[in-house]
Structure formats: C-alpha cells, structure tokens
Amino acid sequence: MKRMKRVLAGFSTMLVMTTVLAACGGGNSNSTSNSSSPSSNASNSTASTAEASTTSKGEKVTINLWSFTDEIPNMTKKYIETHPDANVEFKTTVIATTDGAYQPALDQALASGGKDAPDIYAAESAFVLKYTQGDASDYAVNYADLGLDDQMVKDAGIAQYSVDIGSKDGQLKGLGYQATGGAFIYRRSIAKDVFGTDDPAAIKNEVGPGWDKFFDAAAKLKAKGYGIVSGDGDIWHPIENSSDKGWIVDGKLHIDPKREEFLDLSKKLKDNGYHNDTTDWTEAWYADMSGSGAQPIFGFFGPAWLINYVMNGQVKDTNGDWAVTEPPTGFFWGGTWLLANKNVTKDDAKKQAVADFVKWVTLDTSETGLQYYWANGTMKEGEQGTKDSVASSVVMSKSNGEVPLLGGQNMFDVFVPANANASGKNLTQYDETINKLWRDQVREYTAGNKSREDAIATFKQQVKDQLGIESE
C-alpha cells in the first residue's frame, strides 16, 4: 500500500535487484502514494535471502516480483511463514519511482519477456491505468484466468472503485491490498471550541455534504482564529476524485466542471484566509499537523495511510486530539495494485504459485490472510505494528481499527463507507502529469500572477506540448 506512499522524502534513487528466496522484513514499510507527493518517488530497498521451506519434492517455482518499494517484497516473508508447504521462491526487483525510473524499466522487462520477465508486478494509483487499461494492459493476465473470479471479489467485499481501476472491458487485471477511500481528519479540541462537540456524527454535518457547507464551516472557524485546511492541495484530492469525468474524453483534454471549480474554491480559501496557503508534502504542511503553523488548522483530507504514515510522525503535541468523519464528497487517494504477467499461464506450476500469492494478498479474508495482518498491525508476531485500511470490507468488519492518534476512535467505522463512496471511473493514464500542470496553474491564479482565463489557457497549452493532447 503504498502504505501509501512511501515516505516521503529523502530516499535516494535506487535500482536494487534482490534474490529474495522470500523477502526480508515483514511489516509496514513506509510507503504511501499520491500523484503529487514526493512519496511517489520514494523507495527503500534491502537485499536479503530467505528460502521457502517446503515438504514438497521437486524444483522450486521462482516468481519474479517487481515493485517500486520494498513493501510487497516484504510480504513474501509472511507468506512463506503462513504457507510452509509452498514450493516457491521469490526473486525481487525494487526500483524507485524517483525520476520516473520504475515504469521504463518495467516496460522494457515486460516487452523483453523470457525467464527474467516480471511474473507479478505492482502499479500505484498515479500510473496504474497504464497497466490495467492503457498502453501496457495487454501484458497483464485476467484474474479469472488465474482462477480468481468475480464471486471471490464480491465475497471479500472489495470496494468497487478498486475493481473499476483494476479492470479492462469487464475483466479484472489488478487489485490492491489496501483501500484508500478518504475521510476528513479533524482536531477534536477545535471542533469543541467552534461547534460545541467533537462527535464525528455531528461534525460530518458541519463540513458537508457539499462544498457550500464546508465553506460555511470555514467561516465559523475563521471567526475564532482557525483555518479549515492547511493549503489548497488538501481539497484537491476530494475534488479530483469526485469529478464526473476524467481529464481525457474521446481523446481530448476535458476539464470537468468540478475540477474547474477548484480554481474558484482555491481562491476562496486564499482570499478569506481560510488556510495557511501551504503546499502539501512541505515542512509548512507538516507544521500544521502539529499545530505550530501560522494559524491552528482544523483538518486534513486523506485515507488511513495519511493518518498512519504521515501524520503519525508529525502531530507531536496534537497526538490523540484528532478524529475522522465523512468528507463533503467521496474520494480516494493513492493505492497500489498487484498484476500478474499473462505468460505465467503457460506453466501450470507457476500459474498456481502466482495465483496463490496474489489471492493471499488481495482476496484472502481469513485471519491468516495478508489483509487481516495488515489491518490489525500484526505482520510481525508479538509486535504491534501500524493498522491500515484494507481492500476487504469483510476483513475490516472483524478487525480493530482503534488508533491512539484518533483518541482511540475505530477508524474502520469511517473508512469502510469511505471506500464504498469512492469512484474509480474518472482516472486516466495521464493523471500524474496533468494533475501537476493543473495544480501549478491554479496556484498561479490564486497568487494573482495570472487571470483565470490565462491560467486555463496555459494549462491547455502545456498539456498539448507535453502530451500531444489537444483540448476539446
């Protein structure tokens, strides 16, 4: 999961090919993903070897596993631990997404084929559509051809947005192990001061549904000296992922009205002093999580990974003073999907080995499945690790999502419906590039450097120049 993503700064670009007869480490590595954060470029890799014990006879099946962090490779150790009879070994290649290194290397390896081609490979939300629906989708086997059918997906309670993103023409090609439906994460003490309660059921009606109510809340907060969010990036993900259409419609650049409205909502935040005008993934943004920014900030929008892998290391004195509630509009942010090479079906032993691992990661709802360990923070026996929202609502319904940062609130009560309310039908394989261009122009507009019309015109020209895509 990308624990979503992978934290964030300071990892050097790496290409590490490791023969992991089953990877090292187990547990939650720092990995979170989002199309605009440095975390999408972070990767931390270690080489280690661990053989899969087996009672079976014969040569082990070697699975080539490619990823952009060590998160999925580290899962293989737990897999071997819980499947002692598995006659398999994992050869792992980890390439950081820094400077765009992962995708070209993966593309070349898939195209070259042969014994060193990836059997299983990971793709994050910023570029997953390229591999499930876009230019590189033909390399991926349909899950049904691995024996992983639609009924299994239904029985596991996998969020529809994740299925939609992982499917092409009705055929499932990729699923994640984490779910990244978003919530509104707010300060309890500020809620009590301004709204007289910190009850999530009451606060959701203060901040939504809809942006009109959100800005009504912003005005009430400002009257008492608080900002509602840290920067305009905090509202971008809910806006982006709740739009009716994506950036490309019938081969042309399309600006959905909800995304165009981001210009106006961002300017409204700035003009009224409703935020601290920070940029996400910067020190100023982190400072607002700890309450040390220019003005105290009420909340942030994000999935469970933002709480667990970002805020958890930044909140400091505000730890325990947070809660989660439903956002003004449903959205998701980030995620990692697992795909398998269609060539694995040519060898029955490899096909079965790949299917077993993919199923354990993405669809197994038992207490020995990856998602149960992940949700409850029990990847390492005897050690309480980080809890996270997972793909299966069935798993979350029987898991304990109470975390100290949220004052003991069970976050799964909010994230299960959040995952169900997210949409996966407005993405394109060009989102990583187009989102950055759009957000840069919005900030040019809100800073007064460009008119609204000029910002839009510049954006359209940049998309044409960089991607060769004309506007409608």
Protein backbone atom coordinates (compact mmCIF):
# COMPACT_ATOMS: atom_id res chain seq x y z
CA MET A 1 0.00 0.00 0.00
CA LYS A 2 1.64 2.19 -0.75
CA ARG A 3 1.06 2.47 2.57
CA MET A 4 0.57 4.91 0.62
CA LYS A 5 3.43 6.12 -0.19
CA ARG A 6 6.27 5.64 0.86
CA VAL A 7 7.54 8.16 2.76
CA LEU A 8 8.26 10.85 1.55
CA ALA A 9 11.47 12.39 1.20
CA GLY A 10 15.00 11.66 1.35
CA PHE A 11 15.25 8.28 -0.18
CA SER A 12 17.82 8.09 -2.90
CA THR A 13 17.09 6.70 -6.29
CA MET A 14 17.78 3.03 -6.28
CA LEU A 15 17.63 0.10 -8.55
CA VAL A 16 18.09 -2.97 -6.47
CA MET A 17 17.70 -6.45 -7.83
CA THR A 18 17.50 -8.86 -4.97
CA THR A 19 17.09 -12.52 -5.00
CA VAL A 20 14.72 -12.98 -2.17
CA LEU A 21 14.03 -16.52 -1.79
CA ALA A 22 11.27 -14.78 0.10
CA ALA A 23 11.76 -11.22 1.13
CA CYS A 24 13.03 -9.71 4.29
CA GLY A 25 11.33 -7.71 6.80
CA GLY A 26 7.63 -8.13 7.30
CA GLY A 27 5.71 -5.38 8.37
CA ASN A 28 4.76 -1.98 7.49
CA SER A 29 7.32 -0.17 5.47
CA ASN A 30 6.96 3.49 4.84
CA SER A 31 5.15 3.69 1.60
CA THR A 32 2.38 5.99 0.68
CA SER A 33 1.38 7.12 -2.71
CA ASN A 34 -0.05 10.12 -4.25
CA SER A 35 0.41 11.68 -7.57
CA SER A 36 1.88 14.89 -6.31
CA SER A 37 3.82 13.90 -3.24
CA PRO A 38 7.50 13.12 -3.06
CA SER A 39 6.41 9.84 -1.63
CA SER A 40 5.51 8.56 -5.02
CA ASN A 41 9.18 8.85 -5.72
CA ALA A 42 10.43 7.21 -2.58
CA SER A 43 11.82 3.75 -2.44
CA ASN A 44 13.71 1.87 0.17
CA SER A 45 15.18 -1.47 -0.70
CA THR A 46 17.25 -4.05 1.05
CA ALA A 47 18.68 -7.25 -0.29
CA SER A 48 18.13 -10.41 1.61
CA THR A 49 17.55 -14.05 1.04
CA ALA A 50 15.10 -16.34 2.76
CA GLU A 51 14.19 -19.71 1.38
CA ALA A 52 10.68 -21.02 1.37
CA SER A 53 10.53 -24.12 3.46
CA THR A 54 8.65 -26.92 1.82
CA THR A 55 7.65 -30.50 2.26
CA SER A 56 7.09 -30.87 -1.46
CA LYS A 57 9.56 -32.54 -3.76
CA GLY A 58 10.88 -31.09 -6.95
CA GLU A 59 12.37 -27.83 -8.08
CA LYS A 60 11.04 -24.67 -6.52
CA VAL A 61 8.94 -22.33 -8.61
CA THR A 62 10.70 -18.98 -8.98
CA ILE A 63 8.43 -15.94 -9.04
CA ASN A 64 9.91 -12.70 -10.36
CA LEU A 65 8.33 -9.91 -8.33
CA TRP A 66 8.73 -6.25 -9.32
CA SER A 67 7.83 -3.29 -7.16
CA PHE A 68 8.80 0.33 -6.53
CA THR A 69 9.23 -0.08 -2.75
CA ASP A 70 10.08 -3.00 -0.51
CA GLU A 71 6.51 -3.20 0.79
CA ILE A 72 5.22 -6.09 -1.32
CA PRO A 73 8.59 -7.90 -1.32
CA ASN A 74 8.47 -7.82 2.48
CA MET A 75 5.08 -9.53 2.38
CA THR A 76 6.65 -12.63 0.89
CA LYS A 77 8.29 -13.49 4.22
CA LYS A 78 4.88 -13.60 5.91
CA TYR A 79 3.53 -15.62 3.01
CA ILE A 80 6.24 -18.24 3.39
CA GLU A 81 5.71 -18.25 7.17
CA THR A 82 1.99 -18.95 6.75
CA HIS A 83 2.46 -21.35 3.81
CA PRO A 84 5.27 -23.68 4.92
CA ASP A 85 4.48 -26.16 2.15
CA ALA A 86 4.74 -23.60 -0.62
CA ASN A 87 7.27 -24.81 -3.16
CA VAL A 88 8.22 -21.31 -4.24
CA GLU A 89 10.95 -18.71 -4.09
CA PHE A 90 10.73 -15.02 -4.89
CA LYS A 91 13.28 -13.09 -6.94
CA THR A 92 12.60 -9.46 -6.22
CA THR A 93 13.41 -6.33 -8.19
CA VAL A 94 12.81 -2.98 -6.47
CA ILE A 95 13.21 0.22 -8.48
CA ALA A 96 12.34 3.59 -7.03
CA THR A 97 9.88 5.79 -8.90
CA THR A 98 12.33 8.65 -8.38
CA ASP A 99 12.98 10.48 -11.66
CA GLY A 100 10.50 8.17 -13.36
CA ALA A 101 12.82 5.17 -13.21
CA TYR A 102 10.32 2.41 -12.43
CA GLN A 103 7.96 2.49 -15.38
CA PRO A 104 10.54 2.46 -18.21
CA ALA A 105 12.40 -0.42 -16.59
CA LEU A 106 9.18 -2.36 -16.02
CA ASP A 107 8.00 -1.70 -19.57
CA GLN A 108 11.26 -2.95 -21.00
CA ALA A 109 11.22 -6.07 -18.83
CA LEU A 110 7.63 -6.88 -19.81
CA ALA A 111 8.34 -6.34 -23.51
CA SER A 112 11.55 -8.39 -23.45
CA GLY A 113 9.86 -11.39 -21.86
CA GLY A 114 11.82 -14.53 -21.09
CA LYS A 115 12.69 -16.11 -17.77
CA ASP A 116 13.63 -12.78 -16.16
CA ALA A 117 10.38 -11.00 -17.04
CA PRO A 118 8.17 -9.96 -14.12
CA ASP A 119 5.64 -12.60 -13.09
CA ILE A 120 4.00 -10.27 -10.58
CA TYR A 121 4.35 -6.50 -10.65
CA ALA A 122 2.99 -3.53 -8.75
CA ALA A 123 1.49 -0.30 -10.04
CA GLU A 124 0.42 2.68 -7.97
CA SER A 125 -2.59 4.90 -8.50
CA ALA A 126 -0.60 7.61 -10.28
CA PHE A 127 0.09 5.30 -13.22
CA VAL A 128 -1.89 2.09 -12.65
CA LEU A 129 -4.31 2.67 -15.54
CA LYS A 130 -1.45 2.36 -17.99
CA TYR A 131 -1.08 -1.26 -16.86
CA THR A 132 -4.73 -2.20 -16.27
CA GLN A 133 -6.47 -0.34 -19.10
CA GLY A 134 -3.90 1.58 -21.12
CA ASP A 135 -0.82 1.12 -23.27
CA ALA A 136 0.69 -1.72 -21.22
CA SER A 137 -2.53 -3.51 -20.24
CA ASP A 138 -2.09 -6.40 -22.65
CA TYR A 139 0.77 -7.77 -20.57
CA ALA A 140 -1.50 -8.40 -17.58
CA VAL A 141 -3.38 -11.67 -17.19
CA ASN A 142 -7.05 -11.57 -16.29
CA TYR A 143 -7.54 -12.60 -12.67
CA ALA A 144 -10.21 -15.05 -13.88
CA ASP A 145 -7.51 -16.93 -15.83
CA LEU A 146 -5.73 -17.45 -12.50
CA GLY A 147 -8.90 -18.89 -11.00
CA LEU A 148 -9.67 -15.68 -9.10
CA ASP A 149 -13.23 -14.94 -10.13
CA ASP A 150 -15.80 -12.21 -9.56
CA GLN A 151 -17.52 -14.14 -6.80
CA MET A 152 -14.32 -14.10 -4.75
CA VAL A 153 -14.16 -10.33 -5.18
CA LYS A 154 -17.77 -9.98 -4.08
CA ASP A 155 -17.33 -12.31 -1.11
CA ALA A 156 -14.33 -10.29 0.09
CA GLY A 157 -16.26 -7.02 -0.07
CA ILE A 158 -13.70 -5.28 -2.26
CA ALA A 159 -14.54 -1.59 -2.85
CA GLN A 160 -15.93 -1.01 -6.34
CA TYR A 161 -13.57 1.86 -7.11
CA SER A 162 -10.61 -0.50 -6.74
CA VAL A 163 -12.24 -3.07 -9.03
CA ASP A 164 -13.07 -0.44 -11.65
CA ILE A 165 -9.49 0.83 -11.73
CA GLY A 166 -8.16 -2.70 -11.99
CA SER A 167 -10.47 -3.79 -14.81
CA LYS A 168 -10.47 -3.56 -18.59
CA ASP A 169 -13.59 -4.35 -20.60
CA GLY A 170 -15.11 -6.05 -17.59
CA GLN A 171 -12.08 -8.26 -16.97
CA LEU A 172 -10.23 -7.80 -13.67
CA LYS A 173 -6.48 -7.43 -14.08
CA GLY A 174 -5.37 -5.90 -10.79
CA LEU A 175 -6.40 -5.47 -7.17
CA GLY A 176 -4.84 -3.81 -4.16
CA TYR A 177 -4.43 -4.96 -0.58
CA GLN A 178 -5.09 -1.54 0.90
CA ALA A 179 -8.08 0.68 0.41
CA THR A 180 -7.61 4.42 0.17
CA GLY A 181 -11.07 5.90 0.45
CA GLY A 182 -10.75 9.34 2.04
CA ALA A 183 -12.17 10.95 5.15
CA PHE A 184 -11.99 14.35 6.82
CA ILE A 185 -9.46 14.23 9.66
CA TYR A 186 -10.04 16.98 12.20
CA ARG A 187 -8.85 18.37 15.55
CA ARG A 188 -11.20 17.45 18.40
CA SER A 189 -10.30 20.46 20.55
CA ILE A 190 -11.00 22.91 17.74
CA ALA A 191 -14.29 21.17 16.95
CA LYS A 192 -15.41 21.59 20.56
CA ASP A 193 -14.41 25.25 20.61
CA VAL A 194 -16.20 26.17 17.39
CA PHE A 195 -19.04 23.66 17.04
CA GLY A 196 -19.55 22.63 20.65
CA THR A 197 -18.84 18.96 20.00
CA ASP A 198 -16.19 16.68 18.61
CA ASP A 199 -18.65 13.89 17.74
CA PRO A 200 -17.90 12.62 14.20
CA ALA A 201 -21.63 12.21 13.53
CA ALA A 202 -22.15 15.92 14.23
CA ILE A 203 -19.01 17.22 12.55
CA LYS A 204 -19.81 15.50 9.26
CA ASN A 205 -22.93 17.68 9.08
CA GLU A 206 -20.89 20.80 9.79
CA VAL A 207 -18.35 20.25 6.98
CA GLY A 208 -20.72 18.68 4.45
CA PRO A 209 -22.20 17.29 2.41
CA GLY A 210 -21.07 19.57 -0.38
CA TRP A 211 -18.61 22.47 -0.59
CA ASP A 212 -21.13 25.14 0.39
CA LYS A 213 -21.43 23.65 3.86
CA PHE A 214 -17.68 23.19 4.00
CA PHE A 215 -17.12 26.89 3.40
CA ASP A 216 -19.82 27.80 5.92
CA ALA A 217 -17.77 25.83 8.42
CA ALA A 218 -14.62 27.60 7.23
CA ALA A 219 -16.20 30.98 8.03
CA LYS A 220 -17.19 29.85 11.53
CA LEU A 221 -13.68 28.56 12.15
CA LYS A 222 -12.07 31.75 10.86
CA ALA A 223 -14.19 33.82 13.24
CA LYS A 224 -12.45 32.04 16.10
CA GLY A 225 -8.96 32.23 14.62
CA TYR A 226 -8.70 28.87 12.89
CA GLY A 227 -8.05 27.78 9.32
CA ILE A 228 -10.13 24.90 7.97
CA VAL A 229 -7.30 23.28 5.97
CA SER A 230 -3.58 23.81 5.58
CA GLY A 231 -3.47 24.53 1.83
CA ASP A 232 -5.49 24.18 -1.33
CA GLY A 233 -3.92 20.79 -2.00
CA ASP A 234 -5.97 19.47 0.89
CA ILE A 235 -9.20 19.92 -1.04
CA TRP A 236 -7.79 18.91 -4.43
CA HIS A 237 -8.00 15.16 -3.95
CA PRO A 238 -11.68 15.19 -2.94
CA ILE A 239 -12.41 17.43 -5.92
CA GLU A 240 -10.31 15.44 -8.38
CA ASN A 241 -11.71 12.06 -7.46
CA SER A 242 -15.34 13.13 -7.23
CA SER A 243 -15.48 14.63 -10.73
CA ASP A 244 -17.91 13.11 -13.20
CA LYS A 245 -15.32 12.67 -15.94
CA GLY A 246 -11.56 12.38 -16.16
CA TRP A 247 -9.02 14.55 -17.94
CA ILE A 248 -9.34 12.75 -21.28
CA VAL A 249 -12.68 12.31 -23.07
CA ASP A 250 -12.75 10.94 -26.62
CA GLY A 251 -9.03 11.52 -26.93
CA LYS A 252 -9.14 15.21 -25.99
CA LEU A 253 -8.37 17.19 -22.84
CA HIS A 254 -11.56 17.71 -20.86
CA ILE A 255 -11.83 19.99 -17.83
CA ASP A 256 -14.67 18.61 -15.74
CA PRO A 257 -16.77 21.42 -14.19
CA LYS A 258 -15.98 20.10 -10.70
CA ARG A 259 -12.27 20.28 -11.43
CA GLU A 260 -12.57 23.71 -12.98
CA GLU A 261 -14.34 24.84 -9.80
CA PHE A 262 -11.09 24.10 -7.97
CA LEU A 263 -9.87 27.46 -9.31
CA ASP A 264 -12.67 29.25 -7.51
CA LEU A 265 -12.59 27.21 -4.31
CA SER A 266 -8.83 27.58 -4.05
CA LYS A 267 -9.11 31.34 -4.49
CA LYS A 268 -11.87 31.50 -1.90
CA LEU A 269 -9.65 29.72 0.61
CA LYS A 270 -6.80 32.14 -0.03
CA ASP A 271 -8.76 35.37 -0.24
CA ASN A 272 -10.55 34.70 3.05
CA GLY A 273 -7.54 33.41 4.94
CA TYR A 274 -9.21 30.06 5.44
CA HIS A 275 -5.90 28.22 5.14
CA ASN A 276 -2.19 28.77 5.73
CA ASP A 277 -1.50 28.63 1.98
CA THR A 278 0.89 25.71 2.34
CA THR A 279 1.86 23.20 -0.30
CA ASP A 280 1.39 19.56 0.58
CA TRP A 281 4.49 17.49 1.37
CA THR A 282 6.38 20.52 2.68
CA GLU A 283 7.56 21.42 6.17
CA ALA A 284 4.85 24.06 6.48
CA TRP A 285 2.20 21.42 5.77
CA TYR A 286 3.65 19.13 8.43
CA ALA A 287 3.81 22.02 10.87
CA ASP A 288 0.05 22.44 10.60
CA MET A 289 -0.37 18.83 11.67
CA SER A 290 1.46 19.61 14.90
CA GLY A 291 -0.40 22.86 15.48
CA SER A 292 2.67 25.02 15.01
CA GLY A 293 1.69 26.78 11.79
CA ALA A 294 0.65 30.38 11.19
CA GLN A 295 -2.84 29.71 12.50
CA PRO A 296 -4.23 26.49 14.02
CA ILE A 297 -5.66 24.23 11.32
CA PHE A 298 -8.85 22.27 11.76
CA GLY A 299 -8.35 19.38 9.40
CA PHE A 300 -6.91 17.43 6.51
CA PHE A 301 -8.45 15.20 3.86
CA GLY A 302 -6.99 11.76 3.41
CA PRO A 303 -7.13 7.97 3.66
CA ALA A 304 -5.91 5.90 6.56
CA TRP A 305 -2.35 5.98 5.24
CA LEU A 306 -2.20 9.74 5.73
CA ILE A 307 -3.01 9.21 9.40
CA ASN A 308 -0.71 6.25 9.92
CA TYR A 309 2.32 7.01 7.81
CA VAL A 310 2.39 10.80 7.58
CA MET A 311 0.50 12.48 10.40
CA ASN A 312 1.64 9.92 12.94
CA GLY A 313 5.20 11.18 12.64
CA GLN A 314 4.25 14.86 12.56
CA VAL A 315 1.42 15.52 15.04
CA LYS A 316 3.60 15.73 18.16
CA ASP A 317 1.60 17.56 20.85
CA THR A 318 -1.68 17.12 18.94
CA ASN A 319 -1.48 13.33 19.12
CA GLY A 320 -4.83 11.98 20.31
CA ASP A 321 -6.59 15.25 19.50
CA TRP A 322 -7.83 14.01 16.13
CA ALA A 323 -10.90 12.22 14.79
CA VAL A 324 -12.23 11.16 11.39
CA THR A 325 -15.61 11.72 9.81
CA GLU A 326 -17.24 11.56 6.40
CA PRO A 327 -15.96 14.18 3.93
CA PRO A 328 -18.12 16.62 1.95
CA THR A 329 -17.76 14.31 -1.05
CA GLY A 330 -16.50 10.78 -1.55
CA PHE A 331 -12.96 10.28 -2.89
CA PHE A 332 -9.89 8.08 -2.75
CA TRP A 333 -6.22 8.95 -2.77
CA GLY A 334 -3.47 6.58 -3.76
CA GLY A 335 -3.09 2.84 -3.60
CA THR A 336 -1.06 0.01 -5.10
CA TRP A 337 -2.45 -2.63 -7.44
CA LEU A 338 -1.00 -6.09 -7.98
CA LEU A 339 -0.86 -7.51 -11.50
CA ALA A 340 0.42 -10.76 -12.99
CA ASN A 341 2.05 -11.40 -16.35
CA LYS A 342 -0.19 -13.29 -18.78
CA ASN A 343 2.75 -15.57 -19.60
CA VAL A 344 2.51 -17.26 -16.18
CA THR A 345 -0.43 -19.25 -17.55
CA LYS A 346 1.95 -21.12 -19.87
CA ASP A 347 3.34 -23.12 -16.93
CA ASP A 348 0.83 -24.79 -14.63
CA ALA A 349 3.11 -24.80 -11.59
CA LYS A 350 3.98 -21.12 -11.96
CA LYS A 351 0.38 -20.20 -12.68
CA GLN A 352 -0.74 -21.87 -9.46
CA ALA A 353 2.06 -20.35 -7.40
CA VAL A 354 1.33 -16.84 -8.71
CA ALA A 355 -2.41 -17.30 -8.20
CA ASP A 356 -1.93 -18.46 -4.62
CA PHE A 357 0.22 -15.46 -3.69
CA VAL A 358 -2.00 -12.91 -5.44
CA LYS A 359 -5.08 -14.40 -3.78
CA TRP A 360 -3.42 -14.31 -0.34
CA VAL A 361 -2.56 -10.63 -0.79
CA THR A 362 -5.75 -9.36 -2.40
CA LEU A 363 -8.68 -11.67 -1.65
CA ASP A 364 -7.98 -13.83 1.39
CA THR A 365 -10.30 -12.70 4.21
CA SER A 366 -9.14 -15.23 6.78
CA GLU A 367 -7.15 -14.36 9.88
CA THR A 368 -4.05 -15.73 8.17
CA GLY A 369 -4.50 -13.62 5.06
CA LEU A 370 -2.30 -10.62 4.36
CA GLN A 371 -5.13 -8.15 4.75
CA TYR A 372 -6.06 -9.28 8.26
CA TYR A 373 -2.47 -8.92 9.39
CA TRP A 374 -2.28 -5.56 7.65
CA ALA A 375 -5.50 -4.18 9.11
CA ASN A 376 -4.61 -5.19 12.65
CA GLY A 377 -0.91 -4.37 12.54
CA THR A 378 0.15 -7.95 13.28
CA MET A 379 2.57 -8.67 10.44
CA LYS A 380 5.27 -9.40 12.99
CA GLU A 381 4.20 -11.82 15.67
CA GLY A 382 4.33 -10.35 19.17
CA GLU A 383 4.75 -6.81 17.86
CA GLN A 384 2.00 -4.22 17.41
CA GLY A 385 2.53 -2.64 14.05
CA THR A 386 0.64 0.01 12.13
CA LYS A 387 -3.03 -0.60 11.41
CA ASP A 388 -4.33 0.30 7.99
CA SER A 389 -7.49 0.37 5.92
CA VAL A 390 -7.52 -2.66 3.62
CA ALA A 391 -9.27 -3.61 0.41
CA SER A 392 -11.68 -6.06 2.03
CA SER A 393 -14.59 -4.63 3.99
CA VAL A 394 -15.14 -8.15 5.33
CA VAL A 395 -11.69 -8.06 6.92
CA MET A 396 -12.18 -4.57 8.37
CA SER A 397 -15.54 -5.54 9.86
CA LYS A 398 -13.78 -8.11 12.06
CA SER A 399 -10.67 -6.05 12.77
CA ASN A 400 -9.77 -3.47 15.41
CA GLY A 401 -9.19 -0.06 13.87
CA GLU A 402 -8.65 1.87 17.12
CA VAL A 403 -5.57 4.09 16.96
CA PRO A 404 -4.08 6.46 19.57
CA LEU A 405 -3.71 9.39 17.17
CA LEU A 406 -7.51 9.44 16.85
CA GLY A 407 -8.08 9.27 20.58
CA GLY A 408 -8.96 5.59 20.35
CA GLN A 409 -11.60 6.01 17.64
CA ASN A 410 -12.15 2.95 15.45
CA MET A 411 -11.24 4.43 12.09
CA PHE A 412 -12.71 1.48 10.19
CA ASP A 413 -16.20 2.72 11.09
CA VAL A 414 -15.49 5.66 8.78
CA PHE A 415 -13.18 4.12 6.20
CA VAL A 416 -15.43 1.21 5.23
CA PRO A 417 -18.14 3.58 3.92
CA ALA A 418 -15.43 5.93 2.62
CA ASN A 419 -14.09 3.15 0.42
CA ALA A 420 -17.60 2.35 -0.81
CA ASN A 421 -18.26 6.01 -1.67
CA ALA A 422 -15.13 6.50 -3.79
CA SER A 423 -15.23 6.42 -7.59
CA GLY A 424 -12.64 4.85 -9.86
CA LYS A 425 -14.20 5.90 -13.16
CA ASN A 426 -12.61 9.30 -13.61
CA LEU A 427 -8.94 8.36 -13.94
CA THR A 428 -6.69 8.32 -16.99
CA GLN A 429 -3.19 7.05 -17.53
CA TYR A 430 -2.00 10.67 -17.88
CA ASP A 431 -3.21 11.91 -14.49
CA GLU A 432 0.19 12.15 -12.85
CA THR A 433 1.40 14.67 -15.42
CA ILE A 434 -1.85 16.56 -15.96
CA ASN A 435 -2.62 16.96 -12.25
CA LYS A 436 0.71 18.65 -11.63
CA LEU A 437 0.23 21.04 -14.52
CA TRP A 438 -3.27 21.91 -13.34
CA ARG A 439 -2.36 22.49 -9.72
CA ASP A 440 0.58 24.71 -10.71
CA GLN A 441 -1.69 26.91 -12.81
CA VAL A 442 -4.33 27.11 -10.09
CA ARG A 443 -1.71 28.42 -7.69
CA GLU A 444 -0.57 30.94 -10.30
CA TYR A 445 -4.14 32.18 -10.46
CA THR A 446 -4.76 32.34 -6.72
CA ALA A 447 -1.43 34.13 -6.21
CA GLY A 448 -2.58 36.86 -8.59
CA ASN A 449 0.07 36.10 -11.19
CA LYS A 450 -2.45 35.16 -13.89
CA SER A 451 -6.08 35.70 -14.70
CA ARG A 452 -8.43 32.75 -14.51
CA GLU A 453 -8.59 32.61 -18.30
CA ASP A 454 -4.81 32.79 -18.72
CA ALA A 455 -4.27 30.01 -16.18
CA ILE A 456 -6.63 27.73 -18.09
CA ALA A 457 -5.09 28.65 -21.44
CA THR A 458 -1.57 27.96 -20.16
CA PHE A 459 -2.70 24.64 -18.75
CA LYS A 460 -4.20 23.55 -22.07
CA GLN A 461 -1.08 24.56 -23.96
CA GLN A 462 1.19 22.69 -21.54
CA VAL A 463 -0.87 19.51 -21.91
CA LYS A 464 -0.61 19.82 -25.68
CA ASP A 465 3.13 20.49 -25.57
CA GLN A 466 3.99 17.71 -23.12
CA LEU A 467 1.50 15.01 -24.06
CA GLY A 468 0.38 15.93 -27.54
CA ILE A 469 -3.25 16.06 -26.42
CA GLU A 470 -5.49 18.73 -27.89
CA SER A 471 -8.26 20.38 -25.88
CA GLU A 472 -11.94 19.99 -26.60
